[in-house]
């Protein structure tokens, strides 16, 4: 599991998410993730790989990207 988690940046919070689901339940965790991946400006749901919001262009696109941008950026370069 640790190898799987370390391979791609969208899995950075895997262990934290599993603990949160266990603690708060799936529905609460899911609502938190919608907020975590939503643009703080226009509330558009973005991907872990959207450095800027796909709708309004705000940067960072969401709290997840703000927290993990340094880990995400190298993977985006490889994908382009």
C-alpha atoms as a PDB file:
ATOM      1  CA  UNK A   1       0.000   0.000   0.000  1.00  0.00           C
ATOM      2  CA  UNK A   2       2.805   2.434   0.824  1.00  0.00           C
ATOM      3  CA  UNK A   3       4.348   1.941  -2.631  1.00  0.00           C
ATOM      4  CA  UNK A   4       0.960   2.507  -4.249  1.00  0.00           C
ATOM      5  CA  UNK A   5       0.442   5.675  -2.191  1.00  0.00           C
ATOM      6  CA  UNK A   6       3.862   7.091  -3.038  1.00  0.00           C
ATOM      7  CA  UNK A   7       3.560   6.682  -6.820  1.00  0.00           C
ATOM      8  CA  UNK A   8       1.235   9.616  -7.603  1.00  0.00           C
ATOM      9  CA  UNK A   9       0.514  12.906  -5.847  1.00  0.00           C
ATOM     10  CA  UNK A  10      -3.263  12.509  -5.749  1.00  0.00           C
ATOM     11  CA  UNK A  11      -2.617   9.739  -3.223  1.00  0.00           C
ATOM     12  CA  UNK A  12      -0.570  11.898  -0.812  1.00  0.00           C
ATOM     13  CA  UNK A  13      -3.382  12.060   1.725  1.00  0.00           C
ATOM     14  CA  UNK A  14      -4.446   8.406   1.379  1.00  0.00           C
ATOM     15  CA  UNK A  15      -3.635   7.365   4.959  1.00  0.00           C
ATOM     16  CA  UNK A  16      -5.047  10.593   6.389  1.00  0.00           C
ATOM     17  CA  UNK A  17      -8.265  10.037   4.415  1.00  0.00           C
ATOM     18  CA  UNK A  18      -8.644   6.466   5.620  1.00  0.00           C
ATOM     19  CA  UNK A  19      -8.247   7.592   9.220  1.00  0.00           C
ATOM     20  CA  UNK A  20     -10.754  10.422   8.722  1.00  0.00           C
ATOM     21  CA  UNK A  21     -13.330   8.051   7.188  1.00  0.00           C
ATOM     22  CA  UNK A  22     -12.920   5.745  10.164  1.00  0.00           C
ATOM     23  CA  UNK A  23     -13.231   8.664  12.587  1.00  0.00           C
ATOM     24  CA  UNK A  24     -16.036  10.739  11.027  1.00  0.00           C
ATOM     25  CA  UNK A  25     -17.734   8.428   8.561  1.00  0.00           C
ATOM     26  CA  UNK A  26     -17.782   8.400   4.773  1.00  0.00           C
ATOM     27  CA  UNK A  27     -20.466  11.077   4.321  1.00  0.00           C
ATOM     28  CA  UNK A  28     -18.611  13.636   6.461  1.00  0.00           C
ATOM     29  CA  UNK A  29     -15.263  12.831   4.824  1.00  0.00           C
ATOM     30  CA  UNK A  30     -16.827  13.135   1.361  1.00  0.00           C
ATOM     31  CA  UNK A  31     -18.270  16.581   2.136  1.00  0.00           C
ATOM     32  CA  UNK A  32     -14.867  17.654   3.453  1.00  0.00           C
ATOM     33  CA  UNK A  33     -13.153  16.427   0.278  1.00  0.00           C
ATOM     34  CA  UNK A  34     -15.569  18.386  -1.931  1.00  0.00           C
ATOM     35  CA  UNK A  35     -14.521  21.501  -0.023  1.00  0.00           C
ATOM     36  CA  UNK A  36     -10.822  20.476  -0.041  1.00  0.00           C
ATOM     37  CA  UNK A  37     -10.775  20.151  -3.852  1.00  0.00           C
ATOM     38  CA  UNK A  38     -13.004  23.168  -4.615  1.00  0.00           C
ATOM     39  CA  UNK A  39     -11.743  26.555  -5.769  1.00  0.00           C
ATOM     40  CA  UNK A  40     -11.784  29.054  -2.912  1.00  0.00           C
ATOM     41  CA  UNK A  41     -12.972  31.759  -5.339  1.00  0.00           C
ATOM     42  CA  UNK A  42     -15.689  30.182  -7.526  1.00  0.00           C
ATOM     43  CA  UNK A  43     -16.205  26.817  -5.753  1.00  0.00           C
ATOM     44  CA  UNK A  44     -15.559  24.748  -8.893  1.00  0.00           C
ATOM     45  CA  UNK A  45     -14.452  21.205  -8.120  1.00  0.00           C
ATOM     46  CA  UNK A  46     -10.876  20.741  -9.385  1.00  0.00           C
ATOM     47  CA  UNK A  47      -8.473  17.853  -9.788  1.00  0.00           C
ATOM     48  CA  UNK A  48      -5.363  17.340  -7.672  1.00  0.00           C
ATOM     49  CA  UNK A  49      -3.476  18.101 -10.895  1.00  0.00           C
ATOM     50  CA  UNK A  50      -5.166  21.453 -11.642  1.00  0.00           C
ATOM     51  CA  UNK A  51      -2.656  24.014 -10.404  1.00  0.00           C
ATOM     52  CA  UNK A  52      -5.080  26.790 -11.417  1.00  0.00           C
ATOM     53  CA  UNK A  53      -8.873  26.561 -11.265  1.00  0.00           C
ATOM     54  CA  UNK A  54     -10.311  25.106 -14.448  1.00  0.00           C
ATOM     55  CA  UNK A  55     -13.143  27.648 -14.394  1.00  0.00           C
ATOM     56  CA  UNK A  56     -11.836  30.999 -13.093  1.00  0.00           C
ATOM     57  CA  UNK A  57      -8.065  30.500 -13.273  1.00  0.00           C
ATOM     58  CA  UNK A  58      -7.495  31.199  -9.579  1.00  0.00           C
ATOM     59  CA  UNK A  59      -4.258  29.776  -8.236  1.00  0.00           C
ATOM     60  CA  UNK A  60      -3.982  27.544  -6.388  1.00  0.00           C
ATOM     61  CA  UNK A  61      -7.045  25.710  -7.624  1.00  0.00           C
ATOM     62  CA  UNK A  62      -7.919  24.280  -4.200  1.00  0.00           C
ATOM     63  CA  UNK A  63      -6.602  23.633  -0.700  1.00  0.00           C
ATOM     64  CA  UNK A  64      -5.113  20.296  -1.762  1.00  0.00           C
ATOM     65  CA  UNK A  65      -2.939  21.975  -4.416  1.00  0.00           C
ATOM     66  CA  UNK A  66      -1.976  24.729  -1.982  1.00  0.00           C
ATOM     67  CA  UNK A  67      -0.708  22.100   0.461  1.00  0.00           C
ATOM     68  CA  UNK A  68       1.009  19.797  -2.053  1.00  0.00           C
ATOM     69  CA  UNK A  69       1.997  21.933  -5.055  1.00  0.00           C
ATOM     70  CA  UNK A  70       5.704  21.076  -4.771  1.00  0.00           C
ATOM     71  CA  UNK A  71       4.910  17.370  -4.948  1.00  0.00           C
ATOM     72  CA  UNK A  72       2.348  17.729  -7.754  1.00  0.00           C
ATOM     73  CA  UNK A  73       4.268  19.995 -10.149  1.00  0.00           C
ATOM     74  CA  UNK A  74       6.924  17.436 -11.215  1.00  0.00           C
ATOM     75  CA  UNK A  75       4.197  14.969 -12.201  1.00  0.00           C
ATOM     76  CA  UNK A  76       2.436  17.542 -14.363  1.00  0.00           C
ATOM     77  CA  UNK A  77       5.690  18.222 -16.198  1.00  0.00           C
ATOM     78  CA  UNK A  78       6.046  14.492 -16.924  1.00  0.00           C
ATOM     79  CA  UNK A  79       2.472  14.330 -18.261  1.00  0.00           C
ATOM     80  CA  UNK A  80       2.894  17.161 -20.785  1.00  0.00           C
END
